[in-house]
Amino acid sequence: MKKILNKIIPKIYGIFLNIYALFYPQKAAEKAFHIFCKVRKGKVLPHQEEFLNAAKDQRLQIAEHTIQTYRWKGSNDTVILIHGWESNAWRWHKLVENLKRKGYNIIAFDAPAHGYSTGTYLYVPLYAQILESIIQTYDPKHIIGHSVGGMTALYTEYLNTAIKTEKMVTIGSPSEFYEIITHFKHLLGFNNRVSKALGAYVFNRFGFTEKEFSSSRFVKTNTKKGLLFHDKLDTIAPYHASKQVHESWKQSKLITTEGLGHSMHQDEVNEQIIAFLSS
């Protein structure tokens, strides 16, 4: 029953917005964008509390949000961890333990509307604004991002090439915004009127078209060393995303796996991340 509802409800939203756009196309586009960006999961669960509460650091006021940061102190280089969509800083618990054993100074944080941070919506330009402030606060040498967190890291570096980080790692990250938004449009069954209005809304609000927002484009000017992980069977973010990014990023290395899934918490992944950071 739940699976059926999960298929039907998006279509109901789509039918409503298709009709609404006949009269108020701009308002329909704004509503569509809010549906796209609304976070429905990712708050701290009971089994995550002990790990996160013990590491709570600052609560920073950024972009009208209160952002919870975490810190595991070490004498080695500072590393910032950036989680993905509808997750939180707990998703890094296995990597954190590995990094702690090597003495790294580890910083993580909950994105807006995730974990202990405030908010209702998340989109990459907002996430990048948060990340840039976190970078200024903690001055990391390395950045590691999972899924949308990886996309955000690459976008943030593109916006501000003065960021002094030396190495970047992405794990199962998407690349092309138009692929994500096209999937969303098909999921809800938008007609051409709503699709065009949504594209215009994105451009007017952020200054880029759906095709211009592209990690494979952002990294063309990236001179930092990069390590990309992606599983061929990833059902959340397509494998070709990291392949395209790697082809455009001169200083990157792509590690392809098969059967590790989207999250990639495995020891073999964590060990390769640490080897890359320490090289």
C-alpha atoms as a PDB file:
ATOM      1  CA  MET A   1       0.000   0.000   0.000  1.00  0.00           C
ATOM      2  CA  LYS A   2       2.814   2.401   0.911  1.00  0.00           C
ATOM      3  CA  LYS A   3       4.538   1.784  -2.435  1.00  0.00           C
ATOM      4  CA  ILE A   4       1.311   2.524  -4.282  1.00  0.00           C
ATOM      5  CA  LEU A   5       0.818   5.778  -2.352  1.00  0.00           C
ATOM      6  CA  ASN A   6       4.412   6.791  -3.064  1.00  0.00           C
ATOM      7  CA  LYS A   7       3.642   6.557  -6.766  1.00  0.00           C
ATOM      8  CA  ILE A   8       0.188   8.153  -6.647  1.00  0.00           C
ATOM      9  CA  ILE A   9       0.887  11.178  -4.414  1.00  0.00           C
ATOM     10  CA  PRO A  10       3.529  12.756  -6.697  1.00  0.00           C
ATOM     11  CA  LYS A  11       1.150  12.419  -9.646  1.00  0.00           C
ATOM     12  CA  ILE A  12      -1.597  14.193  -7.668  1.00  0.00           C
ATOM     13  CA  TYR A  13       0.792  17.078  -7.001  1.00  0.00           C
ATOM     14  CA  GLY A  14       1.647  17.123 -10.701  1.00  0.00           C
ATOM     15  CA  ILE A  15      -1.990  17.250 -11.832  1.00  0.00           C
ATOM     16  CA  PHE A  16      -2.681  20.120  -9.417  1.00  0.00           C
ATOM     17  CA  LEU A  17       0.315  22.150 -10.619  1.00  0.00           C
ATOM     18  CA  ASN A  18      -0.456  21.474 -14.282  1.00  0.00           C
ATOM     19  CA  ILE A  19      -3.895  23.014 -13.754  1.00  0.00           C
ATOM     20  CA  TYR A  20      -2.626  25.785 -11.467  1.00  0.00           C
ATOM     21  CA  ALA A  21      -0.074  26.849 -14.095  1.00  0.00           C
ATOM     22  CA  LEU A  22      -2.894  27.679 -16.514  1.00  0.00           C
ATOM     23  CA  PHE A  23      -3.659  30.697 -14.330  1.00  0.00           C
ATOM     24  CA  TYR A  24      -0.522  31.319 -12.251  1.00  0.00           C
ATOM     25  CA  PRO A  25       2.536  29.835 -13.985  1.00  0.00           C
ATOM     26  CA  GLN A  26       5.098  31.637 -11.804  1.00  0.00           C
ATOM     27  CA  LYS A  27       3.401  30.598  -8.571  1.00  0.00           C
ATOM     28  CA  ALA A  28       3.093  27.045  -9.865  1.00  0.00           C
ATOM     29  CA  ALA A  29       6.834  27.020 -10.581  1.00  0.00           C
ATOM     30  CA  GLU A  30       7.620  28.289  -7.079  1.00  0.00           C
ATOM     31  CA  LYS A  31       5.443  25.595  -5.526  1.00  0.00           C
ATOM     32  CA  ALA A  32       7.112  22.969  -7.717  1.00  0.00           C
ATOM     33  CA  PHE A  33      10.552  24.134  -6.587  1.00  0.00           C
ATOM     34  CA  HIS A  34       9.515  23.939  -2.932  1.00  0.00           C
ATOM     35  CA  ILE A  35       8.260  20.383  -3.448  1.00  0.00           C
ATOM     36  CA  PHE A  36      11.582  19.523  -5.097  1.00  0.00           C
ATOM     37  CA  CYS A  37      13.654  20.978  -2.239  1.00  0.00           C
ATOM     38  CA  LYS A  38      11.574  19.939   0.756  1.00  0.00           C
ATOM     39  CA  VAL A  39      13.429  17.630   3.140  1.00  0.00           C
ATOM     40  CA  ARG A  40      11.265  14.841   4.554  1.00  0.00           C
ATOM     41  CA  LYS A  41      13.876  12.717   6.339  1.00  0.00           C
ATOM     42  CA  GLY A  42      17.295  13.150   7.882  1.00  0.00           C
ATOM     43  CA  LYS A  43      16.611  14.294  11.437  1.00  0.00           C
ATOM     44  CA  VAL A  44      18.626  12.580  14.169  1.00  0.00           C
ATOM     45  CA  LEU A  45      17.312   9.109  15.025  1.00  0.00           C
ATOM     46  CA  PRO A  46      17.578   7.562  18.513  1.00  0.00           C
ATOM     47  CA  HIS A  47      20.452   5.231  17.595  1.00  0.00           C
ATOM     48  CA  GLN A  48      22.421   8.205  16.224  1.00  0.00           C
ATOM     49  CA  GLU A  49      22.132  10.455  19.275  1.00  0.00           C
ATOM     50  CA  GLU A  50      25.001   9.144  21.395  1.00  0.00           C
ATOM     51  CA  PHE A  51      27.563   9.406  18.602  1.00  0.00           C
ATOM     52  CA  LEU A  52      26.511  12.915  17.559  1.00  0.00           C
ATOM     53  CA  ASN A  53      25.812  14.411  20.985  1.00  0.00           C
ATOM     54  CA  ALA A  54      29.288  13.509  22.215  1.00  0.00           C
ATOM     55  CA  ALA A  55      30.877  15.485  19.357  1.00  0.00           C
ATOM     56  CA  LYS A  56      28.689  18.602  19.262  1.00  0.00           C
ATOM     57  CA  ASP A  57      30.713  21.735  18.616  1.00  0.00           C
ATOM     58  CA  GLN A  58      29.425  25.158  17.547  1.00  0.00           C
ATOM     59  CA  ARG A  59      25.908  26.135  16.480  1.00  0.00           C
ATOM     60  CA  LEU A  60      26.535  28.646  13.724  1.00  0.00           C
ATOM     61  CA  GLN A  61      24.090  31.212  12.354  1.00  0.00           C
ATOM     62  CA  ILE A  62      24.422  31.075   8.568  1.00  0.00           C
ATOM     63  CA  ALA A  63      21.952  32.214   5.895  1.00  0.00           C
ATOM     64  CA  GLU A  64      19.099  32.469   8.404  1.00  0.00           C
ATOM     65  CA  HIS A  65      19.709  28.909   9.588  1.00  0.00           C
ATOM     66  CA  THR A  66      21.170  27.483  12.763  1.00  0.00           C
ATOM     67  CA  ILE A  67      23.764  24.914  11.726  1.00  0.00           C
ATOM     68  CA  GLN A  68      24.987  22.233  14.116  1.00  0.00           C
ATOM     69  CA  THR A  69      28.663  21.369  13.763  1.00  0.00           C
ATOM     70  CA  TYR A  70      30.594  18.433  15.212  1.00  0.00           C
ATOM     71  CA  ARG A  71      34.259  18.014  16.004  1.00  0.00           C
ATOM     72  CA  TRP A  72      36.520  15.086  16.787  1.00  0.00           C
ATOM     73  CA  LYS A  73      39.807  16.729  17.757  1.00  0.00           C
ATOM     74  CA  GLY A  74      43.123  15.527  16.390  1.00  0.00           C
ATOM     75  CA  SER A  75      46.617  16.855  15.725  1.00  0.00           C
ATOM     76  CA  ASN A  76      46.691  15.839  12.059  1.00  0.00           C
ATOM     77  CA  ASP A  77      45.174  17.795   9.136  1.00  0.00           C
ATOM     78  CA  THR A  78      41.630  19.175   9.400  1.00  0.00           C
ATOM     79  CA  VAL A  79      39.023  17.348   7.296  1.00  0.00           C
ATOM     80  CA  ILE A  80      35.453  18.522   6.652  1.00  0.00           C
ATOM     81  CA  LEU A  81      32.763  15.915   5.938  1.00  0.00           C
ATOM     82  CA  ILE A  82      29.640  16.868   3.932  1.00  0.00           C
ATOM     83  CA  HIS A  83      26.686  14.472   4.004  1.00  0.00           C
ATOM     84  CA  GLY A  84      24.086  13.909   1.297  1.00  0.00           C
ATOM     85  CA  TRP A  85      20.343  14.376   0.841  1.00  0.00           C
ATOM     86  CA  GLU A  86      18.061  13.355   3.748  1.00  0.00           C
ATOM     87  CA  SER A  87      21.002  12.191   5.819  1.00  0.00           C
ATOM     88  CA  ASN A  88      23.018  13.851   8.598  1.00  0.00           C
ATOM     89  CA  ALA A  89      26.523  13.864  10.063  1.00  0.00           C
ATOM     90  CA  TRP A  90      25.999  10.386  11.565  1.00  0.00           C
ATOM     91  CA  ARG A  91      26.397   8.856   8.104  1.00  0.00           C
ATOM     92  CA  TRP A  92      30.134   9.422   8.564  1.00  0.00           C
ATOM     93  CA  HIS A  93      30.476   7.401  11.792  1.00  0.00           C
ATOM     94  CA  LYS A  94      32.576   4.625  10.232  1.00  0.00           C
ATOM     95  CA  LEU A  95      34.898   6.992   8.387  1.00  0.00           C
ATOM     96  CA  VAL A  96      35.198   9.158  11.519  1.00  0.00           C
ATOM     97  CA  GLU A  97      36.515   6.196  13.507  1.00  0.00           C
ATOM     98  CA  ASN A  98      39.069   5.468  10.787  1.00  0.00           C
ATOM     99  CA  LEU A  99      40.165   9.097  10.593  1.00  0.00           C
ATOM    100  CA  LYS A 100      40.427   9.354  14.391  1.00  0.00           C
ATOM    101  CA  ARG A 101      42.887   6.457  14.466  1.00  0.00           C
ATOM    102  CA  LYS A 102      45.125   8.468  12.133  1.00  0.00           C
ATOM    103  CA  GLY A 103      44.842  11.582  14.287  1.00  0.00           C
ATOM    104  CA  TYR A 104      42.882  13.758  11.868  1.00  0.00           C
ATOM    105  CA  ASN A 105      41.028  16.806  13.166  1.00  0.00           C
ATOM    106  CA  ILE A 106      37.511  15.995  11.913  1.00  0.00           C
ATOM    107  CA  ILE A 107      34.684  18.461  11.317  1.00  0.00           C
ATOM    108  CA  ALA A 108      31.164  17.513  10.244  1.00  0.00           C
ATOM    109  CA  PHE A 109      27.882  19.403  10.195  1.00  0.00           C
ATOM    110  CA  ASP A 110      24.189  18.926   9.542  1.00  0.00           C
ATOM    111  CA  ALA A 111      22.830  20.634   6.432  1.00  0.00           C
ATOM    112  CA  PRO A 112      19.742  22.873   6.704  1.00  0.00           C
ATOM    113  CA  ALA A 113      16.642  20.784   7.537  1.00  0.00           C
ATOM    114  CA  HIS A 114      18.867  17.823   8.468  1.00  0.00           C
ATOM    115  CA  GLY A 115      20.089  16.442  11.775  1.00  0.00           C
ATOM    116  CA  TYR A 116      20.039  19.081  14.506  1.00  0.00           C
ATOM    117  CA  SER A 117      20.115  22.015  12.063  1.00  0.00           C
ATOM    118  CA  THR A 118      17.066  24.181  11.380  1.00  0.00           C
ATOM    119  CA  GLY A 119      15.121  24.603   8.164  1.00  0.00           C
ATOM    120  CA  THR A 120      12.655  22.942   5.817  1.00  0.00           C
ATOM    121  CA  TYR A 121      14.353  23.032   2.410  1.00  0.00           C
ATOM    122  CA  LEU A 122      17.766  22.234   0.941  1.00  0.00           C
ATOM    123  CA  TYR A 123      19.225  23.046  -2.470  1.00  0.00           C
ATOM    124  CA  VAL A 124      22.846  23.146  -3.595  1.00  0.00           C
ATOM    125  CA  PRO A 125      23.331  26.959  -3.740  1.00  0.00           C
ATOM    126  CA  LEU A 126      22.142  27.178  -0.111  1.00  0.00           C
ATOM    127  CA  TYR A 127      24.285  24.184   0.882  1.00  0.00           C
ATOM    128  CA  ALA A 128      27.284  25.844  -0.791  1.00  0.00           C
ATOM    129  CA  GLN A 129      26.703  29.039   1.170  1.00  0.00           C
ATOM    130  CA  ILE A 130      26.690  27.021   4.394  1.00  0.00           C
ATOM    131  CA  LEU A 131      29.790  25.054   3.378  1.00  0.00           C
ATOM    132  CA  GLU A 132      31.769  28.164   2.486  1.00  0.00           C
ATOM    133  CA  SER A 133      31.086  29.606   5.938  1.00  0.00           C
ATOM    134  CA  ILE A 134      32.064  26.304   7.585  1.00  0.00           C
ATOM    135  CA  ILE A 135      35.313  26.315   5.591  1.00  0.00           C
ATOM    136  CA  GLN A 136      36.078  29.869   6.733  1.00  0.00           C
ATOM    137  CA  THR A 137      35.417  28.850  10.342  1.00  0.00           C
ATOM    138  CA  TYR A 138      37.502  25.663  10.450  1.00  0.00           C
ATOM    139  CA  ASP A 139      40.072  26.130   7.634  1.00  0.00           C
ATOM    140  CA  PRO A 140      40.239  22.500   6.436  1.00  0.00           C
ATOM    141  CA  LYS A 141      43.019  21.006   4.387  1.00  0.00           C
ATOM    142  CA  HIS A 142      40.729  18.328   2.907  1.00  0.00           C
ATOM    143  CA  ILE A 143      37.025  18.059   2.005  1.00  0.00           C
ATOM    144  CA  ILE A 144      34.989  14.867   1.624  1.00  0.00           C
ATOM    145  CA  GLY A 145      31.420  14.885   0.303  1.00  0.00           C
ATOM    146  CA  HIS A 146      28.866  12.141  -0.222  1.00  0.00           C
ATOM    147  CA  SER A 147      26.222  12.354  -2.961  1.00  0.00           C
ATOM    148  CA  VAL A 148      24.767  15.909  -3.047  1.00  0.00           C
ATOM    149  CA  GLY A 149      27.438  16.813  -0.487  1.00  0.00           C
ATOM    150  CA  GLY A 150      30.084  16.034  -3.094  1.00  0.00           C
ATOM    151  CA  MET A 151      28.277  18.075  -5.722  1.00  0.00           C
ATOM    152  CA  THR A 152      28.109  20.944  -3.229  1.00  0.00           C
ATOM    153  CA  ALA A 153      31.828  20.716  -2.515  1.00  0.00           C
ATOM    154  CA  LEU A 154      32.697  20.989  -6.210  1.00  0.00           C
ATOM    155  CA  TYR A 155      30.283  23.886  -6.724  1.00  0.00           C
ATOM    156  CA  THR A 156      31.661  25.737  -3.692  1.00  0.00           C
ATOM    157  CA  GLU A 157      35.229  25.377  -4.959  1.00  0.00           C
ATOM    158  CA  TYR A 158      34.099  26.621  -8.379  1.00  0.00           C
ATOM    159  CA  LEU A 159      32.522  29.718  -6.835  1.00  0.00           C
ATOM    160  CA  ASN A 160      35.536  30.507  -4.676  1.00  0.00           C
ATOM    161  CA  THR A 161      38.844  29.276  -6.053  1.00  0.00           C
ATOM    162  CA  ALA A 162      40.614  31.052  -3.177  1.00  0.00           C
ATOM    163  CA  ILE A 163      39.560  28.212  -0.867  1.00  0.00           C
ATOM    164  CA  LYS A 164      42.843  26.753   0.417  1.00  0.00           C
ATOM    165  CA  THR A 165      41.884  23.086   0.625  1.00  0.00           C
ATOM    166  CA  GLU A 166      44.382  20.743  -1.019  1.00  0.00           C
ATOM    167  CA  LYS A 167      42.406  17.539  -1.640  1.00  0.00           C
ATOM    168  CA  MET A 168      38.756  16.760  -2.368  1.00  0.00           C
ATOM    169  CA  VAL A 169      36.910  13.444  -2.262  1.00  0.00           C
ATOM    170  CA  THR A 170      33.448  12.762  -3.665  1.00  0.00           C
ATOM    171  CA  ILE A 171      31.464   9.573  -3.104  1.00  0.00           C
ATOM    172  CA  GLY A 172      28.533   8.609  -5.322  1.00  0.00           C
ATOM    173  CA  SER A 173      27.915  12.206  -6.341  1.00  0.00           C
ATOM    174  CA  PRO A 174      25.607  13.408  -9.129  1.00  0.00           C
ATOM    175  CA  SER A 175      26.919  15.797 -11.747  1.00  0.00           C
ATOM    176  CA  GLU A 176      24.220  17.221 -14.003  1.00  0.00           C
ATOM    177  CA  PHE A 177      21.393  19.204 -12.417  1.00  0.00           C
ATOM    178  CA  TYR A 178      19.251  18.844 -15.519  1.00  0.00           C
ATOM    179  CA  GLU A 179      19.225  15.061 -15.046  1.00  0.00           C
ATOM    180  CA  ILE A 180      18.000  15.442 -11.462  1.00  0.00           C
ATOM    181  CA  ILE A 181      15.314  17.992 -12.291  1.00  0.00           C
ATOM    182  CA  THR A 182      14.186  16.034 -15.381  1.00  0.00           C
ATOM    183  CA  HIS A 183      13.628  12.966 -13.199  1.00  0.00           C
ATOM    184  CA  PHE A 184      11.597  15.113 -10.814  1.00  0.00           C
ATOM    185  CA  LYS A 185       9.455  16.505 -13.658  1.00  0.00           C
ATOM    186  CA  HIS A 186       8.743  12.993 -14.964  1.00  0.00           C
ATOM    187  CA  LEU A 187       7.994  11.712 -11.465  1.00  0.00           C
ATOM    188  CA  LEU A 188       5.267  14.316 -10.995  1.00  0.00           C
ATOM    189  CA  GLY A 189       4.141  14.298 -14.625  1.00  0.00           C
ATOM    190  CA  PHE A 190       4.596  18.010 -15.322  1.00  0.00           C
ATOM    191  CA  ASN A 191       3.376  19.334 -18.652  1.00  0.00           C
ATOM    192  CA  ASN A 192       5.495  21.679 -20.805  1.00  0.00           C
ATOM    193  CA  ARG A 193       3.975  24.780 -19.219  1.00  0.00           C
ATOM    194  CA  VAL A 194       5.078  23.844 -15.708  1.00  0.00           C
ATOM    195  CA  SER A 195       8.464  22.541 -16.907  1.00  0.00           C
ATOM    196  CA  LYS A 196       9.259  25.792 -18.705  1.00  0.00           C
ATOM    197  CA  ALA A 197       8.038  27.907 -15.805  1.00  0.00           C
ATOM    198  CA  LEU A 198      10.205  25.912 -13.392  1.00  0.00           C
ATOM    199  CA  GLY A 199      13.250  26.394 -15.622  1.00  0.00           C
ATOM    200  CA  ALA A 200      12.579  30.139 -15.735  1.00  0.00           C
ATOM    201  CA  TYR A 201      12.164  30.232 -11.951  1.00  0.00           C
ATOM    202  CA  VAL A 202      15.523  28.525 -11.404  1.00  0.00           C
ATOM    203  CA  PHE A 203      17.267  30.922 -13.800  1.00  0.00           C
ATOM    204  CA  ASN A 204      15.677  34.054 -12.327  1.00  0.00           C
ATOM    205  CA  ARG A 205      16.480  32.987  -8.773  1.00  0.00           C
ATOM    206  CA  PHE A 206      19.977  31.564  -9.178  1.00  0.00           C
ATOM    207  CA  GLY A 207      21.304  32.914 -12.472  1.00  0.00           C
ATOM    208  CA  PHE A 208      21.928  29.605 -14.214  1.00  0.00           C
ATOM    209  CA  THR A 209      19.961  27.305 -16.491  1.00  0.00           C
ATOM    210  CA  GLU A 210      19.267  23.685 -15.631  1.00  0.00           C
ATOM    211  CA  LYS A 211      22.041  22.544 -18.006  1.00  0.00           C
ATOM    212  CA  GLU A 212      24.579  25.127 -16.872  1.00  0.00           C
ATOM    213  CA  PHE A 213      24.634  23.746 -13.327  1.00  0.00           C
ATOM    214  CA  SER A 214      27.053  20.908 -13.929  1.00  0.00           C
ATOM    215  CA  SER A 215      29.825  19.428 -11.794  1.00  0.00           C
ATOM    216  CA  SER A 216      31.615  18.268 -14.938  1.00  0.00           C
ATOM    217  CA  ARG A 217      31.696  21.922 -16.005  1.00  0.00           C
ATOM    218  CA  PHE A 218      32.672  23.259 -12.577  1.00  0.00           C
ATOM    219  CA  VAL A 219      35.769  21.067 -12.284  1.00  0.00           C
ATOM    220  CA  LYS A 220      37.348  22.223 -15.532  1.00  0.00           C
ATOM    221  CA  THR A 221      39.062  24.981 -13.544  1.00  0.00           C
ATOM    222  CA  ASN A 222      39.698  22.864 -10.433  1.00  0.00           C
ATOM    223  CA  THR A 223      43.433  22.548  -9.774  1.00  0.00           C
ATOM    224  CA  LYS A 224      43.126  20.590  -6.523  1.00  0.00           C
ATOM    225  CA  LYS A 225      43.755  16.858  -6.239  1.00  0.00           C
ATOM    226  CA  GLY A 226      40.549  14.841  -6.394  1.00  0.00           C
ATOM    227  CA  LEU A 227      39.458  11.287  -5.641  1.00  0.00           C
ATOM    228  CA  LEU A 228      36.102  10.086  -6.964  1.00  0.00           C
ATOM    229  CA  PHE A 229      34.291   6.950  -5.830  1.00  0.00           C
ATOM    230  CA  HIS A 230      31.285   5.600  -7.677  1.00  0.00           C
ATOM    231  CA  ASP A 231      29.598   2.237  -7.927  1.00  0.00           C
ATOM    232  CA  LYS A 232      28.514   1.026 -11.359  1.00  0.00           C
ATOM    233  CA  LEU A 233      25.239  -0.276  -9.870  1.00  0.00           C
ATOM    234  CA  ASP A 234      24.380   2.924  -7.977  1.00  0.00           C
ATOM    235  CA  THR A 235      20.600   3.403  -8.299  1.00  0.00           C
ATOM    236  CA  ILE A 236      20.549   6.878  -6.696  1.00  0.00           C
ATOM    237  CA  ALA A 237      23.224   8.778  -8.611  1.00  0.00           C
ATOM    238  CA  PRO A 238      24.263   7.394 -12.016  1.00  0.00           C
ATOM    239  CA  TYR A 239      27.794   6.090 -12.425  1.00  0.00           C
ATOM    240  CA  HIS A 240      28.336   8.164 -15.565  1.00  0.00           C
ATOM    241  CA  ALA A 241      28.179  11.305 -13.383  1.00  0.00           C
ATOM    242  CA  SER A 242      31.555  10.665 -11.750  1.00  0.00           C
ATOM    243  CA  LYS A 243      32.959   9.392 -15.019  1.00  0.00           C
ATOM    244  CA  GLN A 244      32.102  12.708 -16.680  1.00  0.00           C
ATOM    245  CA  VAL A 245      33.542  14.692 -13.776  1.00  0.00           C
ATOM    246  CA  HIS A 246      36.760  12.662 -13.869  1.00  0.00           C
ATOM    247  CA  GLU A 247      37.152  13.277 -17.592  1.00  0.00           C
ATOM    248  CA  SER A 248      36.905  17.041 -17.003  1.00  0.00           C
ATOM    249  CA  TRP A 249      39.042  17.209 -13.839  1.00  0.00           C
ATOM    250  CA  LYS A 250      42.722  16.942 -14.687  1.00  0.00           C
ATOM    251  CA  GLN A 251      43.919  16.267 -11.140  1.00  0.00           C
ATOM    252  CA  SER A 252      41.343  13.576 -10.322  1.00  0.00           C
ATOM    253  CA  LYS A 253      41.362   9.809  -9.959  1.00  0.00           C
ATOM    254  CA  LEU A 254      38.206   7.703 -10.356  1.00  0.00           C
ATOM    255  CA  ILE A 255      37.763   4.525  -8.342  1.00  0.00           C
ATOM    256  CA  THR A 256      35.012   2.358  -9.799  1.00  0.00           C
ATOM    257  CA  THR A 257      33.301  -0.298  -7.681  1.00  0.00           C
ATOM    258  CA  GLU A 258      30.553  -2.793  -8.377  1.00  0.00           C
ATOM    259  CA  GLY A 259      28.062  -3.879  -5.736  1.00  0.00           C
ATOM    260  CA  LEU A 260      28.987  -1.452  -2.927  1.00  0.00           C
ATOM    261  CA  GLY A 261      25.856   0.628  -3.445  1.00  0.00           C
ATOM    262  CA  HIS A 262      25.308   4.366  -3.037  1.00  0.00           C
ATOM    263  CA  SER A 263      26.340   4.909   0.590  1.00  0.00           C
ATOM    264  CA  MET A 264      29.762   3.212   0.342  1.00  0.00           C
ATOM    265  CA  HIS A 265      30.521   2.864   4.066  1.00  0.00           C
ATOM    266  CA  GLN A 266      32.797  -0.131   3.464  1.00  0.00           C
ATOM    267  CA  ASP A 267      36.259  -0.370   5.030  1.00  0.00           C
ATOM    268  CA  GLU A 268      37.876  -0.724   1.616  1.00  0.00           C
ATOM    269  CA  VAL A 269      36.501   2.703   0.645  1.00  0.00           C
ATOM    270  CA  ASN A 270      37.510   4.343   3.928  1.00  0.00           C
ATOM    271  CA  GLU A 271      41.014   2.893   3.717  1.00  0.00           C
ATOM    272  CA  GLN A 272      41.498   4.282   0.217  1.00  0.00           C
ATOM    273  CA  ILE A 273      40.262   7.709   1.344  1.00  0.00           C
ATOM    274  CA  ILE A 274      42.799   7.792   4.169  1.00  0.00           C
ATOM    275  CA  ALA A 275      45.596   6.604   1.872  1.00  0.00           C
ATOM    276  CA  PHE A 276      44.734   9.459  -0.515  1.00  0.00           C
ATOM    277  CA  LEU A 277      44.694  12.088   2.237  1.00  0.00           C
ATOM    278  CA  SER A 278      48.017  10.944   3.652  1.00  0.00           C
ATOM    279  CA  SER A 279      49.834  10.637   0.317  1.00  0.00           C
END
